[in-house]
Amino acid sequence: MRNENERSGRGGWQQWSEAKARRMLASFARSGASAAAFAKSRGITTRRIQYWSKRLADEAPVKFVPMAIPGPTAARDARIEIAAGDVVVRLREGTDVEYVAQLVAAIGGRRAC
């Protein structure tokens, strides 16, 4: 196996491409070795592994969760109408029962002007 060291042919540092970094991180994950042991075996620094792990984790693709959005139904659009004398209150079906009871009591208990 070829040693994936950091030195280029001219003695300088070889910059990793994203594709190479992904390959190296996949190899590191499969190895089961510590970062220090893996880095030493490949002739690279642990700092490089940490850098690319963080950089690629920050760029992780967004995952969407599919969900069904129900269309409008007759029950959702249903209305309840309460009439007490000259007062008419229209509520959507599904309105909190306690709220409706308080509203009816308040309307029923009001004094005529």
Protein backbone atom coordinates (compact mmCIF):
# COMPACT_ATOMS: atom_id res chain seq x y z
CA MET A 1 0.00 0.00 0.00
CA ARG A 2 1.31 3.43 -0.90
CA ASN A 3 2.12 5.75 1.98
CA GLU A 4 -0.22 8.79 1.89
CA ASN A 5 2.32 11.19 3.37
CA GLU A 6 2.12 14.96 3.43
CA ARG A 7 5.24 15.69 1.41
CA SER A 8 5.01 16.60 -2.25
CA GLY A 9 7.71 15.69 -4.74
CA ARG A 10 9.48 19.04 -4.14
CA GLY A 11 9.64 18.78 -0.37
CA GLY A 12 6.67 21.07 0.41
CA TRP A 13 3.33 20.21 1.96
CA GLN A 14 0.75 18.53 -0.22
CA GLN A 15 -2.67 20.07 0.13
CA TRP A 16 -5.54 17.59 0.28
CA SER A 17 -8.52 17.95 -1.99
CA GLU A 18 -11.93 17.40 -0.45
CA ALA A 19 -12.18 14.06 -2.27
CA LYS A 20 -8.85 12.90 -0.83
CA ALA A 21 -9.84 14.06 2.64
CA ARG A 22 -13.09 12.09 2.40
CA ARG A 23 -11.17 8.97 1.31
CA MET A 24 -8.69 9.33 4.17
CA LEU A 25 -11.44 9.88 6.76
CA ALA A 26 -13.32 6.84 5.45
CA SER A 27 -10.13 4.80 5.71
CA PHE A 28 -9.55 6.14 9.22
CA ALA A 29 -13.11 5.18 10.26
CA ARG A 30 -12.69 1.65 8.86
CA SER A 31 -9.31 1.20 10.55
CA GLY A 32 -10.65 1.32 14.09
CA ALA A 33 -7.32 2.83 15.12
CA SER A 34 -6.86 5.93 17.22
CA ALA A 35 -6.27 9.18 15.35
CA ALA A 36 -2.65 9.21 16.53
CA ALA A 37 -1.98 5.62 15.41
CA PHE A 38 -3.69 6.12 12.05
CA ALA A 39 -1.87 9.40 11.40
CA LYS A 40 1.50 7.87 12.27
CA SER A 41 0.88 4.91 9.95
CA ARG A 42 0.06 7.27 7.08
CA GLY A 43 2.78 9.84 7.73
CA ILE A 44 0.30 12.62 8.45
CA THR A 45 -0.55 14.70 11.49
CA THR A 46 -3.48 14.14 13.80
CA ARG A 47 -4.24 17.83 13.36
CA ARG A 48 -4.98 17.22 9.67
CA ILE A 49 -7.46 14.48 10.56
CA GLN A 50 -9.12 16.75 13.13
CA TYR A 51 -9.26 19.69 10.69
CA TRP A 52 -10.90 17.70 7.89
CA SER A 53 -13.27 15.90 10.26
CA LYS A 54 -14.55 19.23 11.56
CA ARG A 55 -14.63 20.89 8.14
CA LEU A 56 -16.58 18.08 6.50
CA ALA A 57 -18.90 17.69 9.48
CA ASP A 58 -19.79 21.39 9.22
CA GLU A 59 -20.67 20.85 5.56
CA ALA A 60 -22.85 17.81 6.17
CA PRO A 61 -25.79 17.79 3.79
CA VAL A 62 -29.18 18.80 5.12
CA LYS A 63 -31.57 15.90 5.36
CA PHE A 64 -35.24 16.41 4.79
CA VAL A 65 -37.90 14.26 6.37
CA PRO A 66 -40.86 13.55 4.11
CA MET A 67 -44.26 14.30 5.60
CA ALA A 68 -47.80 14.32 4.35
CA ILE A 69 -49.73 17.55 4.57
CA PRO A 70 -53.45 16.87 4.55
CA GLY A 71 -55.55 18.92 2.20
CA PRO A 72 -58.51 21.01 3.34
CA THR A 73 -61.43 19.02 4.64
CA ALA A 74 -64.99 19.90 5.41
CA ALA A 75 -64.42 19.21 9.13
CA ARG A 76 -61.48 21.62 9.25
CA ASP A 77 -63.55 24.41 7.72
CA ALA A 78 -66.69 23.67 9.76
CA ARG A 79 -68.07 26.50 11.87
CA ILE A 80 -70.21 26.60 14.98
CA GLU A 81 -72.61 29.47 15.41
CA ILE A 82 -73.95 30.49 18.81
CA ALA A 83 -76.76 33.03 18.94
CA ALA A 84 -77.94 34.68 22.17
CA GLY A 85 -80.39 37.51 21.56
CA ASP A 86 -78.74 40.04 19.29
CA VAL A 87 -75.24 38.49 19.70
CA VAL A 88 -73.98 35.91 17.22
CA VAL A 89 -70.64 34.20 17.77
CA ARG A 90 -69.06 32.09 15.05
CA LEU A 91 -66.30 29.66 16.02
CA ARG A 92 -64.31 27.08 14.18
CA GLU A 93 -65.10 23.49 14.98
CA GLY A 94 -62.44 22.18 17.33
CA THR A 95 -62.27 25.35 19.46
CA ASP A 96 -61.42 24.56 23.08
CA VAL A 97 -64.57 23.38 24.88
CA GLU A 98 -63.77 25.24 28.10
CA TYR A 99 -63.36 28.48 26.16
CA VAL A 100 -66.71 27.99 24.42
CA ALA A 101 -68.42 27.25 27.78
CA GLN A 102 -66.99 30.45 29.32
CA LEU A 103 -68.04 32.44 26.27
CA VAL A 104 -71.62 31.11 26.38
CA ALA A 105 -71.84 31.81 30.14
CA ALA A 106 -70.59 35.35 29.61
CA ILE A 107 -73.04 36.02 26.77
CA GLY A 108 -75.93 34.47 28.72
CA GLY A 109 -75.16 36.48 31.84
CA ARG A 110 -74.88 39.90 30.25
CA ARG A 111 -77.50 42.52 30.95
CA ALA A 112 -79.50 44.11 28.20
CA CYS A 113 -78.72 47.79 27.62
